[in-house]
Amino acid sequence: MNGYKIGTVAQYYSNLGIAIIDLSQSVHVGDLIRVSGSIEFSQTVQLIQVEHEQITSAYAGDTVGVKMIKPVSPGDEIIKSDHEI
């Protein structure tokens, strides 16, 4: 599979569908990401938040909230991908 790790899920809020992700690389709205770990799926990033404020880009060292299309678990890896699985 192509791609590279951009972060790790630290927490997941099931009532909101938001994963808190500690980033090791940048992420932007519109990027295709893949979740790998407790579940495997791909999605396009639709929403990134920091402190409940929407942003369009975040960078290594940032901790962000990302809207997920499926539930994820702490420890799941977030991989920037160039194709869906």
PDB file of N, CA and C in Angstrom:
ATOM      1  N   MET A   1       0.823  -1.180   0.000  1.00  0.00           N
ATOM      2  CA  MET A   1       0.000   0.000   0.000  1.00  0.00           C
ATOM      3  C   MET A   1       0.870   1.248   0.000  1.00  0.00           C
ATOM      4  N   ASN A   2       0.464   2.222  -0.745  1.00  0.00           N
ATOM      5  CA  ASN A   2       1.193   3.476  -0.817  1.00  0.00           C
ATOM      6  C   ASN A   2       0.743   4.403   0.295  1.00  0.00           C
ATOM      7  N   GLY A   3       1.602   5.342   0.639  1.00  0.00           N
ATOM      8  CA  GLY A   3       1.263   6.338   1.623  1.00  0.00           C
ATOM      9  C   GLY A   3       2.289   6.381   2.730  1.00  0.00           C
ATOM     10  N   TYR A   4       2.082   7.330   3.649  1.00  0.00           N
ATOM     11  CA  TYR A   4       2.978   7.467   4.789  1.00  0.00           C
ATOM     12  C   TYR A   4       2.181   7.944   5.996  1.00  0.00           C
ATOM     13  N   LYS A   5       2.657   7.520   7.157  1.00  0.00           N
ATOM     14  CA  LYS A   5       1.974   7.829   8.408  1.00  0.00           C
ATOM     15  C   LYS A   5       2.033   9.327   8.685  1.00  0.00           C
ATOM     16  N   ILE A   6       0.876   9.901   9.036  1.00  0.00           N
ATOM     17  CA  ILE A   6       0.832  11.317   9.390  1.00  0.00           C
ATOM     18  C   ILE A   6       0.397  11.538  10.829  1.00  0.00           C
ATOM     19  N   GLY A   7      -0.045  10.480  11.505  1.00  0.00           N
ATOM     20  CA  GLY A   7      -0.460  10.659  12.886  1.00  0.00           C
ATOM     21  C   GLY A   7      -1.038   9.415  13.507  1.00  0.00           C
ATOM     22  N   THR A   8      -1.401   9.567  14.778  1.00  0.00           N
ATOM     23  CA  THR A   8      -1.965   8.474  15.563  1.00  0.00           C
ATOM     24  C   THR A   8      -3.192   8.985  16.309  1.00  0.00           C
ATOM     25  N   VAL A   9      -4.231   8.157  16.323  1.00  0.00           N
ATOM     26  CA  VAL A   9      -5.448   8.513  17.060  1.00  0.00           C
ATOM     27  C   VAL A   9      -5.147   8.467  18.559  1.00  0.00           C
ATOM     28  N   ALA A  10      -5.424   9.576  19.245  1.00  0.00           N
ATOM     29  CA  ALA A  10      -5.239   9.648  20.692  1.00  0.00           C
ATOM     30  C   ALA A  10      -6.541   9.372  21.425  1.00  0.00           C
ATOM     31  N   GLN A  11      -7.658   9.765  20.803  1.00  0.00           N
ATOM     32  CA  GLN A  11      -8.971   9.642  21.452  1.00  0.00           C
ATOM     33  C   GLN A  11     -10.036   9.672  20.355  1.00  0.00           C
ATOM     34  N   TYR A  12     -11.200   9.106  20.663  1.00  0.00           N
ATOM     35  CA  TYR A  12     -12.311   9.139  19.723  1.00  0.00           C
ATOM     36  C   TYR A  12     -13.587   9.464  20.472  1.00  0.00           C
ATOM     37  N   TYR A  13     -14.307  10.467  19.980  1.00  0.00           N
ATOM     38  CA  TYR A  13     -15.597  10.851  20.560  1.00  0.00           C
ATOM     39  C   TYR A  13     -16.704  10.291  19.676  1.00  0.00           C
ATOM     40  N   SER A  14     -17.278   9.167  20.100  1.00  0.00           N
ATOM     41  CA  SER A  14     -18.280   8.478  19.278  1.00  0.00           C
ATOM     42  C   SER A  14     -19.536   9.311  19.089  1.00  0.00           C
ATOM     43  N   ASN A  15     -19.893  10.131  20.079  1.00  0.00           N
ATOM     44  CA  ASN A  15     -21.109  10.939  19.954  1.00  0.00           C
ATOM     45  C   ASN A  15     -20.951  12.035  18.894  1.00  0.00           C
ATOM     46  N   LEU A  16     -19.719  12.427  18.594  1.00  0.00           N
ATOM     47  CA  LEU A  16     -19.454  13.457  17.585  1.00  0.00           C
ATOM     48  C   LEU A  16     -18.859  12.893  16.295  1.00  0.00           C
ATOM     49  N   GLY A  17     -18.317  11.674  16.367  1.00  0.00           N
ATOM     50  CA  GLY A  17     -17.618  11.108  15.216  1.00  0.00           C
ATOM     51  C   GLY A  17     -16.296  11.801  14.949  1.00  0.00           C
ATOM     52  N   ILE A  18     -15.680  12.336  16.019  1.00  0.00           N
ATOM     53  CA  ILE A  18     -14.428  13.086  15.894  1.00  0.00           C
ATOM     54  C   ILE A  18     -13.285  12.299  16.527  1.00  0.00           C
ATOM     55  N   ALA A  19     -12.210  12.140  15.757  1.00  0.00           N
ATOM     56  CA  ALA A  19     -10.988  11.537  16.274  1.00  0.00           C
ATOM     57  C   ALA A  19     -10.009  12.645  16.623  1.00  0.00           C
ATOM     58  N   ILE A  20      -9.390  12.555  17.785  1.00  0.00           N
ATOM     59  CA  ILE A  20      -8.313  13.456  18.173  1.00  0.00           C
ATOM     60  C   ILE A  20      -7.022  12.786  17.711  1.00  0.00           C
ATOM     61  N   ILE A  21      -6.287  13.493  16.865  1.00  0.00           N
ATOM     62  CA  ILE A  21      -5.114  12.914  16.225  1.00  0.00           C
ATOM     63  C   ILE A  21      -3.879  13.748  16.556  1.00  0.00           C
ATOM     64  N   ASP A  22      -2.828  13.071  17.024  1.00  0.00           N
ATOM     65  CA  ASP A  22      -1.523  13.695  17.221  1.00  0.00           C
ATOM     66  C   ASP A  22      -0.770  13.560  15.904  1.00  0.00           C
ATOM     67  N   LEU A  23      -0.493  14.699  15.260  1.00  0.00           N
ATOM     68  CA  LEU A  23       0.106  14.693  13.924  1.00  0.00           C
ATOM     69  C   LEU A  23       1.635  14.631  13.964  1.00  0.00           C
ATOM     70  N   SER A  24       2.188  13.812  13.066  1.00  0.00           N
ATOM     71  CA  SER A  24       3.630  13.774  12.845  1.00  0.00           C
ATOM     72  C   SER A  24       3.980  14.358  11.471  1.00  0.00           C
ATOM     73  N   GLN A  25       2.950  14.601  10.653  1.00  0.00           N
ATOM     74  CA  GLN A  25       3.081  15.221   9.329  1.00  0.00           C
ATOM     75  C   GLN A  25       1.860  16.105   9.110  1.00  0.00           C
ATOM     76  N   SER A  26       1.873  16.887   8.051  1.00  0.00           N
ATOM     77  CA  SER A  26       0.756  17.798   7.779  1.00  0.00           C
ATOM     78  C   SER A  26      -0.459  17.060   7.219  1.00  0.00           C
ATOM     79  N   VAL A  27      -1.616  17.680   7.398  1.00  0.00           N
ATOM     80  CA  VAL A  27      -2.870  17.187   6.825  1.00  0.00           C
ATOM     81  C   VAL A  27      -3.687  18.402   6.390  1.00  0.00           C
ATOM     82  N   HIS A  28      -4.429  18.238   5.313  1.00  0.00           N
ATOM     83  CA  HIS A  28      -5.222  19.327   4.744  1.00  0.00           C
ATOM     84  C   HIS A  28      -6.620  18.814   4.405  1.00  0.00           C
ATOM     85  N   VAL A  29      -7.616  19.684   4.498  1.00  0.00           N
ATOM     86  CA  VAL A  29      -8.950  19.332   4.022  1.00  0.00           C
ATOM     87  C   VAL A  29      -8.818  18.921   2.558  1.00  0.00           C
ATOM     88  N   GLY A  30      -9.446  17.812   2.195  1.00  0.00           N
ATOM     89  CA  GLY A  30      -9.374  17.290   0.834  1.00  0.00           C
ATOM     90  C   GLY A  30      -8.375  16.167   0.664  1.00  0.00           C
ATOM     91  N   ASP A  31      -7.478  15.966   1.653  1.00  0.00           N
ATOM     92  CA  ASP A  31      -6.520  14.863   1.580  1.00  0.00           C
ATOM     93  C   ASP A  31      -7.244  13.527   1.713  1.00  0.00           C
ATOM     94  N   LEU A  32      -6.742  12.525   1.023  1.00  0.00           N
ATOM     95  CA  LEU A  32      -7.218  11.158   1.187  1.00  0.00           C
ATOM     96  C   LEU A  32      -6.371  10.516   2.278  1.00  0.00           C
ATOM     97  N   ILE A  33      -7.041  10.022   3.328  1.00  0.00           N
ATOM     98  CA  ILE A  33      -6.334   9.340   4.408  1.00  0.00           C
ATOM     99  C   ILE A  33      -6.856   7.916   4.540  1.00  0.00           C
ATOM    100  N   ARG A  34      -6.022   7.082   5.142  1.00  0.00           N
ATOM    101  CA  ARG A  34      -6.390   5.703   5.432  1.00  0.00           C
ATOM    102  C   ARG A  34      -6.195   5.483   6.929  1.00  0.00           C
ATOM    103  N   VAL A  35      -7.146   4.818   7.553  1.00  0.00           N
ATOM    104  CA  VAL A  35      -7.026   4.434   8.958  1.00  0.00           C
ATOM    105  C   VAL A  35      -6.578   2.980   8.979  1.00  0.00           C
ATOM    106  N   SER A  36      -5.579   2.689   9.805  1.00  0.00           N
ATOM    107  CA  SER A  36      -5.046   1.337   9.895  1.00  0.00           C
ATOM    108  C   SER A  36      -4.889   0.974  11.368  1.00  0.00           C
ATOM    109  N   GLY A  37      -5.428  -0.151  11.753  1.00  0.00           N
ATOM    110  CA  GLY A  37      -5.335  -0.604  13.146  1.00  0.00           C
ATOM    111  C   GLY A  37      -6.536  -1.449  13.496  1.00  0.00           C
ATOM    112  N   SER A  38      -7.382  -0.918  14.384  1.00  0.00           N
ATOM    113  CA  SER A  38      -8.564  -1.661  14.818  1.00  0.00           C
ATOM    114  C   SER A  38      -9.579  -1.802  13.693  1.00  0.00           C
ATOM    115  N   ILE A  39      -9.462  -0.948  12.688  1.00  0.00           N
ATOM    116  CA  ILE A  39     -10.356  -0.941  11.529  1.00  0.00           C
ATOM    117  C   ILE A  39      -9.537  -0.435  10.343  1.00  0.00           C
ATOM    118  N   GLU A  40      -9.932  -0.806   9.147  1.00  0.00           N
ATOM    119  CA  GLU A  40      -9.237  -0.357   7.933  1.00  0.00           C
ATOM    120  C   GLU A  40     -10.251   0.291   7.004  1.00  0.00           C
ATOM    121  N   PHE A  41     -10.041   1.566   6.693  1.00  0.00           N
ATOM    122  CA  PHE A  41     -10.881   2.246   5.715  1.00  0.00           C
ATOM    123  C   PHE A  41     -10.174   3.505   5.234  1.00  0.00           C
ATOM    124  N   SER A  42     -10.655   4.033   4.124  1.00  0.00           N
ATOM    125  CA  SER A  42     -10.150   5.285   3.566  1.00  0.00           C
ATOM    126  C   SER A  42     -11.261   6.324   3.584  1.00  0.00           C
ATOM    127  N   GLN A  43     -10.867   7.581   3.660  1.00  0.00           N
ATOM    128  CA  GLN A  43     -11.838   8.667   3.566  1.00  0.00           C
ATOM    129  C   GLN A  43     -11.102   9.930   3.143  1.00  0.00           C
ATOM    130  N   THR A  44     -11.865  10.873   2.624  1.00  0.00           N
ATOM    131  CA  THR A  44     -11.339  12.197   2.339  1.00  0.00           C
ATOM    132  C   THR A  44     -11.572  13.061   3.571  1.00  0.00           C
ATOM    133  N   VAL A  45     -10.554  13.834   3.954  1.00  0.00           N
ATOM    134  CA  VAL A  45     -10.679  14.721   5.114  1.00  0.00           C
ATOM    135  C   VAL A  45     -11.654  15.838   4.765  1.00  0.00           C
ATOM    136  N   GLN A  46     -12.761  15.909   5.511  1.00  0.00           N
ATOM    137  CA  GLN A  46     -13.789  16.922   5.291  1.00  0.00           C
ATOM    138  C   GLN A  46     -13.739  18.039   6.327  1.00  0.00           C
ATOM    139  N   LEU A  47     -13.255  17.713   7.541  1.00  0.00           N
ATOM    140  CA  LEU A  47     -13.291  18.670   8.641  1.00  0.00           C
ATOM    141  C   LEU A  47     -12.080  18.472   9.543  1.00  0.00           C
ATOM    142  N   ILE A  48     -11.363  19.574   9.791  1.00  0.00           N
ATOM    143  CA  ILE A  48     -10.261  19.596  10.763  1.00  0.00           C
ATOM    144  C   ILE A  48     -10.578  20.711  11.747  1.00  0.00           C
ATOM    145  N   GLN A  49     -10.404  20.414  13.046  1.00  0.00           N
ATOM    146  CA  GLN A  49     -10.649  21.424  14.076  1.00  0.00           C
ATOM    147  C   GLN A  49      -9.489  21.478  15.070  1.00  0.00           C
ATOM    148  N   VAL A  50      -9.247  22.681  15.567  1.00  0.00           N
ATOM    149  CA  VAL A  50      -8.356  22.891  16.703  1.00  0.00           C
ATOM    150  C   VAL A  50      -9.122  23.768  17.681  1.00  0.00           C
ATOM    151  N   GLU A  51      -9.274  23.280  18.925  1.00  0.00           N
ATOM    152  CA  GLU A  51     -10.027  24.030  19.937  1.00  0.00           C
ATOM    153  C   GLU A  51     -11.412  24.455  19.429  1.00  0.00           C
ATOM    154  N   HIS A  52     -12.100  23.556  18.740  1.00  0.00           N
ATOM    155  CA  HIS A  52     -13.458  23.747  18.220  1.00  0.00           C
ATOM    156  C   HIS A  52     -13.547  24.767  17.082  1.00  0.00           C
ATOM    157  N   GLU A  53     -12.406  25.207  16.540  1.00  0.00           N
ATOM    158  CA  GLU A  53     -12.378  26.125  15.401  1.00  0.00           C
ATOM    159  C   GLU A  53     -11.984  25.346  14.161  1.00  0.00           C
ATOM    160  N   GLN A  54     -12.752  25.518  13.073  1.00  0.00           N
ATOM    161  CA  GLN A  54     -12.415  24.832  11.832  1.00  0.00           C
ATOM    162  C   GLN A  54     -11.189  25.477  11.198  1.00  0.00           C
ATOM    163  N   ILE A  55     -10.293  24.608  10.696  1.00  0.00           N
ATOM    164  CA  ILE A  55      -9.118  25.060   9.966  1.00  0.00           C
ATOM    165  C   ILE A  55      -9.017  24.227   8.696  1.00  0.00           C
ATOM    166  N   THR A  56      -8.173  24.645   7.766  1.00  0.00           N
ATOM    167  CA  THR A  56      -8.035  23.902   6.506  1.00  0.00           C
ATOM    168  C   THR A  56      -6.752  23.088   6.447  1.00  0.00           C
ATOM    169  N   SER A  57      -5.776  23.398   7.305  1.00  0.00           N
ATOM    170  CA  SER A  57      -4.504  22.680   7.324  1.00  0.00           C
ATOM    171  C   SER A  57      -3.979  22.601   8.747  1.00  0.00           C
ATOM    172  N   ALA A  58      -3.246  21.536   9.033  1.00  0.00           N
ATOM    173  CA  ALA A  58      -2.571  21.379  10.316  1.00  0.00           C
ATOM    174  C   ALA A  58      -1.231  20.710  10.040  1.00  0.00           C
ATOM    175  N   TYR A  59      -0.311  20.840  11.006  1.00  0.00           N
ATOM    176  CA  TYR A  59       1.068  20.461  10.738  1.00  0.00           C
ATOM    177  C   TYR A  59       1.645  19.580  11.834  1.00  0.00           C
ATOM    178  N   ALA A  60       2.818  18.992  11.557  1.00  0.00           N
ATOM    179  CA  ALA A  60       3.496  18.120  12.514  1.00  0.00           C
ATOM    180  C   ALA A  60       3.567  18.800  13.871  1.00  0.00           C
ATOM    181  N   GLY A  61       3.219  18.050  14.901  1.00  0.00           N
ATOM    182  CA  GLY A  61       3.224  18.570  16.264  1.00  0.00           C
ATOM    183  C   GLY A  61       1.872  19.064  16.733  1.00  0.00           C
ATOM    184  N   ASP A  62       0.950  19.302  15.787  1.00  0.00           N
ATOM    185  CA  ASP A  62      -0.399  19.738  16.149  1.00  0.00           C
ATOM    186  C   ASP A  62      -1.237  18.552  16.631  1.00  0.00           C
ATOM    187  N   THR A  63      -2.187  18.831  17.507  1.00  0.00           N
ATOM    188  CA  THR A  63      -3.207  17.861  17.892  1.00  0.00           C
ATOM    189  C   THR A  63      -4.526  18.418  17.392  1.00  0.00           C
ATOM    190  N   VAL A  64      -5.204  17.638  16.544  1.00  0.00           N
ATOM    191  CA  VAL A  64      -6.407  18.131  15.867  1.00  0.00           C
ATOM    192  C   VAL A  64      -7.556  17.153  16.019  1.00  0.00           C
ATOM    193  N   GLY A  65      -8.762  17.652  15.791  1.00  0.00           N
ATOM    194  CA  GLY A  65      -9.943  16.823  15.683  1.00  0.00           C
ATOM    195  C   GLY A  65     -10.280  16.663  14.213  1.00  0.00           C
ATOM    196  N   VAL A  66     -10.532  15.440  13.780  1.00  0.00           N
ATOM    197  CA  VAL A  66     -10.892  15.152  12.393  1.00  0.00           C
ATOM    198  C   VAL A  66     -12.184  14.345  12.394  1.00  0.00           C
ATOM    199  N   LYS A  67     -13.150  14.788  11.612  1.00  0.00           N
ATOM    200  CA  LYS A  67     -14.420  14.065  11.472  1.00  0.00           C
ATOM    201  C   LYS A  67     -14.150  12.756  10.746  1.00  0.00           C
ATOM    202  N   MET A  68     -14.600  11.644  11.344  1.00  0.00           N
ATOM    203  CA  MET A  68     -14.383  10.318  10.765  1.00  0.00           C
ATOM    204  C   MET A  68     -15.713   9.747  10.277  1.00  0.00           C
ATOM    205  N   ILE A  69     -15.648   8.936   9.214  1.00  0.00           N
ATOM    206  CA  ILE A  69     -16.860   8.322   8.667  1.00  0.00           C
ATOM    207  C   ILE A  69     -17.197   7.013   9.365  1.00  0.00           C
ATOM    208  N   LYS A  70     -16.235   6.461  10.136  1.00  0.00           N
ATOM    209  CA  LYS A  70     -16.447   5.239  10.914  1.00  0.00           C
ATOM    210  C   LYS A  70     -15.747   5.403  12.255  1.00  0.00           C
ATOM    211  N   PRO A  71     -16.177   4.653  13.259  1.00  0.00           N
ATOM    212  CA  PRO A  71     -15.498   4.722  14.557  1.00  0.00           C
ATOM    213  C   PRO A  71     -14.056   4.229  14.466  1.00  0.00           C
ATOM    214  N   VAL A  72     -13.165   4.896  15.193  1.00  0.00           N
ATOM    215  CA  VAL A  72     -11.757   4.506  15.275  1.00  0.00           C
ATOM    216  C   VAL A  72     -11.395   4.316  16.737  1.00  0.00           C
ATOM    217  N   SER A  73     -10.193   3.826  16.990  1.00  0.00           N
ATOM    218  CA  SER A  73      -9.755   3.562  18.361  1.00  0.00           C
ATOM    219  C   SER A  73      -8.401   4.211  18.616  1.00  0.00           C
ATOM    220  N   PRO A  74      -8.132   4.572  19.875  1.00  0.00           N
ATOM    221  CA  PRO A  74      -6.806   5.088  20.203  1.00  0.00           C
ATOM    222  C   PRO A  74      -5.721   4.110  19.750  1.00  0.00           C
ATOM    223  N   GLY A  75      -4.663   4.653  19.171  1.00  0.00           N
ATOM    224  CA  GLY A  75      -3.566   3.838  18.665  1.00  0.00           C
ATOM    225  C   GLY A  75      -3.660   3.561  17.176  1.00  0.00           C
ATOM    226  N   ASP A  76      -4.848   3.735  16.583  1.00  0.00           N
ATOM    227  CA  ASP A  76      -4.966   3.555  15.128  1.00  0.00           C
ATOM    228  C   ASP A  76      -4.055   4.557  14.432  1.00  0.00           C
ATOM    229  N   GLU A  77      -3.421   4.110  13.349  1.00  0.00           N
ATOM    230  CA  GLU A  77      -2.547   4.985  12.580  1.00  0.00           C
ATOM    231  C   GLU A  77      -3.335   5.673  11.475  1.00  0.00           C
ATOM    232  N   ILE A  78      -2.974   6.927  11.223  1.00  0.00           N
ATOM    233  CA  ILE A  78      -3.567   7.703  10.130  1.00  0.00           C
ATOM    234  C   ILE A  78      -2.492   7.842   9.065  1.00  0.00           C
ATOM    235  N   ILE A  79      -2.811   7.410   7.869  1.00  0.00           N
ATOM    236  CA  ILE A  79      -1.853   7.361   6.770  1.00  0.00           C
ATOM    237  C   ILE A  79      -2.385   8.214   5.626  1.00  0.00           C
ATOM    238  N   LYS A  80      -1.544   9.122   5.122  1.00  0.00           N
ATOM    239  CA  LYS A  80      -1.905   9.890   3.941  1.00  0.00           C
ATOM    240  C   LYS A  80      -1.720   8.962   2.752  1.00  0.00           C
ATOM    241  N   SER A  81      -2.750   8.835   1.934  1.00  0.00           N
ATOM    242  CA  SER A  81      -2.773   7.845   0.874  1.00  0.00           C
ATOM    243  C   SER A  81      -3.029   8.517  -0.462  1.00  0.00           C
ATOM    244  N   ASP A  82      -2.677   7.815  -1.543  1.00  0.00           N
ATOM    245  CA  ASP A  82      -2.969   8.333  -2.872  1.00  0.00           C
ATOM    246  C   ASP A  82      -4.056   7.532  -3.576  1.00  0.00           C
ATOM    247  N   HIS A  83      -4.596   6.524  -2.860  1.00  0.00           N
ATOM    248  CA  HIS A  83      -5.724   5.768  -3.410  1.00  0.00           C
ATOM    249  C   HIS A  83      -6.509   5.111  -2.279  1.00  0.00           C
ATOM    250  N   GLU A  84      -7.786   4.842  -2.541  1.00  0.00           N
ATOM    251  CA  GLU A  84      -8.642   4.214  -1.532  1.00  0.00           C
ATOM    252  C   GLU A  84      -8.364   2.728  -1.435  1.00  0.00           C
ATOM    253  N   ILE A  85      -8.696   2.164  -0.262  1.00  0.00           N
ATOM    254  CA  ILE A  85      -8.556   0.714  -0.095  1.00  0.00           C
ATOM    255  C   ILE A  85      -9.911   0.067  -0.255  1.00  0.00           C
TER     256      ILE A  85
END
